[in-house]
Amino acid sequence: MPDTPPPQPDSKRLFDLLMKVGIDAGDACALVQEVSNMAAANLITRFESRLEARNAKIDAHSAEFSSFRWTMGLGFTMLAPLLYLVRFVD
């Protein structure tokens, strides 16, 4: 029987269950490690998708703010000649 590293404490319950079922210790340890790797990959994928969604929202807000800034600039630019004309009409 090859020497297998002891499972991590959080994986001990799964390892013990696999041993009760009758799976070899080396195979059980390999399976526990593979399940742990898949869970980590799933967690990373979910985190990346949430991060991408948040970045998309930030980009949308930035575009909206830029549009608002241009509109305000245009409004103030048009207001200046209007105020100039109103001043001379009185």
C-alpha atoms as a PDB file:
ATOM      1  CA  MET A   1       0.000   0.000   0.000  1.00  0.00           C
ATOM      2  CA  PRO A   2       1.556   3.339  -1.060  1.00  0.00           C
ATOM      3  CA  ASP A   3       1.985   6.070   1.499  1.00  0.00           C
ATOM      4  CA  THR A   4      -0.835   8.545   1.125  1.00  0.00           C
ATOM      5  CA  PRO A   5      -0.811  11.998   2.687  1.00  0.00           C
ATOM      6  CA  PRO A   6      -3.410  12.457   5.410  1.00  0.00           C
ATOM      7  CA  PRO A   7      -6.480  14.351   4.242  1.00  0.00           C
ATOM      8  CA  GLN A   8      -6.982  17.943   5.269  1.00  0.00           C
ATOM      9  CA  PRO A   9      -9.268  18.460   8.297  1.00  0.00           C
ATOM     10  CA  ASP A  10     -12.118  19.879   6.224  1.00  0.00           C
ATOM     11  CA  SER A  11     -11.956  16.869   3.909  1.00  0.00           C
ATOM     12  CA  LYS A  12     -11.772  14.309   6.711  1.00  0.00           C
ATOM     13  CA  ARG A  13     -15.517  13.619   6.742  1.00  0.00           C
ATOM     14  CA  LEU A  14     -15.554  12.779   3.031  1.00  0.00           C
ATOM     15  CA  PHE A  15     -12.416  10.675   3.407  1.00  0.00           C
ATOM     16  CA  ASP A  16     -13.951   8.762   6.342  1.00  0.00           C
ATOM     17  CA  LEU A  17     -17.147   8.171   4.370  1.00  0.00           C
ATOM     18  CA  LEU A  18     -15.201   6.806   1.403  1.00  0.00           C
ATOM     19  CA  MET A  19     -13.232   4.529   3.713  1.00  0.00           C
ATOM     20  CA  LYS A  20     -16.492   3.203   5.237  1.00  0.00           C
ATOM     21  CA  VAL A  21     -17.765   2.400   1.765  1.00  0.00           C
ATOM     22  CA  GLY A  22     -14.656   0.312   1.212  1.00  0.00           C
ATOM     23  CA  ILE A  23     -12.598   2.415  -1.169  1.00  0.00           C
ATOM     24  CA  ASP A  24      -8.829   2.047  -0.944  1.00  0.00           C
ATOM     25  CA  ALA A  25      -7.106   4.780   1.126  1.00  0.00           C
ATOM     26  CA  GLY A  26      -5.042   6.011  -1.834  1.00  0.00           C
ATOM     27  CA  ASP A  27      -8.060   6.186  -4.107  1.00  0.00           C
ATOM     28  CA  ALA A  28     -10.126   7.868  -1.387  1.00  0.00           C
ATOM     29  CA  CYS A  29      -7.428  10.474  -0.845  1.00  0.00           C
ATOM     30  CA  ALA A  30      -7.157  11.117  -4.598  1.00  0.00           C
ATOM     31  CA  LEU A  31     -10.931  11.448  -4.872  1.00  0.00           C
ATOM     32  CA  VAL A  32     -11.063  13.874  -1.931  1.00  0.00           C
ATOM     33  CA  GLN A  33      -8.347  15.998  -3.527  1.00  0.00           C
ATOM     34  CA  GLU A  34     -10.131  15.972  -6.891  1.00  0.00           C
ATOM     35  CA  VAL A  35     -13.436  17.012  -5.294  1.00  0.00           C
ATOM     36  CA  SER A  36     -11.609  19.796  -3.458  1.00  0.00           C
ATOM     37  CA  ASN A  37      -9.996  20.991  -6.702  1.00  0.00           C
ATOM     38  CA  MET A  38     -13.347  20.986  -8.509  1.00  0.00           C
ATOM     39  CA  ALA A  39     -14.965  22.945  -5.686  1.00  0.00           C
ATOM     40  CA  ALA A  40     -12.162  25.507  -5.784  1.00  0.00           C
ATOM     41  CA  ALA A  41     -12.470  25.836  -9.564  1.00  0.00           C
ATOM     42  CA  ASN A  42     -16.235  26.310  -9.218  1.00  0.00           C
ATOM     43  CA  LEU A  43     -15.758  28.966  -6.554  1.00  0.00           C
ATOM     44  CA  ILE A  44     -13.214  30.825  -8.691  1.00  0.00           C
ATOM     45  CA  THR A  45     -15.532  30.710 -11.709  1.00  0.00           C
ATOM     46  CA  ARG A  46     -18.454  32.076  -9.696  1.00  0.00           C
ATOM     47  CA  PHE A  47     -16.295  34.846  -8.255  1.00  0.00           C
ATOM     48  CA  GLU A  48     -15.017  35.796 -11.725  1.00  0.00           C
ATOM     49  CA  SER A  49     -18.554  35.957 -13.132  1.00  0.00           C
ATOM     50  CA  ARG A  50     -19.688  38.220 -10.283  1.00  0.00           C
ATOM     51  CA  LEU A  51     -16.629  40.396 -10.769  1.00  0.00           C
ATOM     52  CA  GLU A  52     -17.347  40.686 -14.501  1.00  0.00           C
ATOM     53  CA  ALA A  53     -20.977  41.624 -13.780  1.00  0.00           C
ATOM     54  CA  ARG A  54     -19.861  44.281 -11.314  1.00  0.00           C
ATOM     55  CA  ASN A  55     -17.350  45.661 -13.837  1.00  0.00           C
ATOM     56  CA  ALA A  56     -20.104  45.827 -16.456  1.00  0.00           C
ATOM     57  CA  LYS A  57     -22.271  47.832 -14.044  1.00  0.00           C
ATOM     58  CA  ILE A  58     -19.394  50.194 -13.321  1.00  0.00           C
ATOM     59  CA  ASP A  59     -18.775  50.669 -17.048  1.00  0.00           C
ATOM     60  CA  ALA A  60     -22.473  51.402 -17.595  1.00  0.00           C
ATOM     61  CA  HIS A  61     -22.496  53.970 -14.798  1.00  0.00           C
ATOM     62  CA  SER A  62     -19.337  55.573 -16.166  1.00  0.00           C
ATOM     63  CA  ALA A  63     -20.914  55.897 -19.605  1.00  0.00           C
ATOM     64  CA  GLU A  64     -24.079  57.329 -18.065  1.00  0.00           C
ATOM     65  CA  PHE A  65     -22.082  59.859 -16.048  1.00  0.00           C
ATOM     66  CA  SER A  66     -20.069  60.836 -19.107  1.00  0.00           C
ATOM     67  CA  SER A  67     -23.262  61.400 -21.068  1.00  0.00           C
ATOM     68  CA  PHE A  68     -24.710  63.476 -18.213  1.00  0.00           C
ATOM     69  CA  ARG A  69     -21.526  65.556 -18.028  1.00  0.00           C
ATOM     70  CA  TRP A  70     -21.648  66.300 -21.766  1.00  0.00           C
ATOM     71  CA  THR A  71     -25.326  67.249 -21.519  1.00  0.00           C
ATOM     72  CA  MET A  72     -24.663  69.606 -18.620  1.00  0.00           C
ATOM     73  CA  GLY A  73     -21.722  71.163 -20.449  1.00  0.00           C
ATOM     74  CA  LEU A  74     -23.827  71.701 -23.553  1.00  0.00           C
ATOM     75  CA  GLY A  75     -26.639  73.176 -21.449  1.00  0.00           C
ATOM     76  CA  PHE A  76     -24.343  75.677 -19.733  1.00  0.00           C
ATOM     77  CA  THR A  77     -22.750  76.541 -23.061  1.00  0.00           C
ATOM     78  CA  MET A  78     -26.165  77.334 -24.526  1.00  0.00           C
ATOM     79  CA  LEU A  79     -27.215  79.215 -21.390  1.00  0.00           C
ATOM     80  CA  ALA A  80     -24.359  81.716 -21.598  1.00  0.00           C
ATOM     81  CA  PRO A  81     -25.442  83.351 -24.918  1.00  0.00           C
ATOM     82  CA  LEU A  82     -29.058  83.330 -23.746  1.00  0.00           C
ATOM     83  CA  LEU A  83     -28.146  85.218 -20.571  1.00  0.00           C
ATOM     84  CA  TYR A  84     -26.037  87.598 -22.641  1.00  0.00           C
ATOM     85  CA  LEU A  85     -29.017  88.352 -24.907  1.00  0.00           C
ATOM     86  CA  VAL A  86     -31.432  88.731 -21.977  1.00  0.00           C
ATOM     87  CA  ARG A  87     -29.073  91.245 -20.391  1.00  0.00           C
ATOM     88  CA  PHE A  88     -29.172  93.513 -23.444  1.00  0.00           C
ATOM     89  CA  VAL A  89     -32.917  93.205 -24.020  1.00  0.00           C
ATOM     90  CA  ASP A  90     -33.715  94.804 -20.649  1.00  0.00           C
END
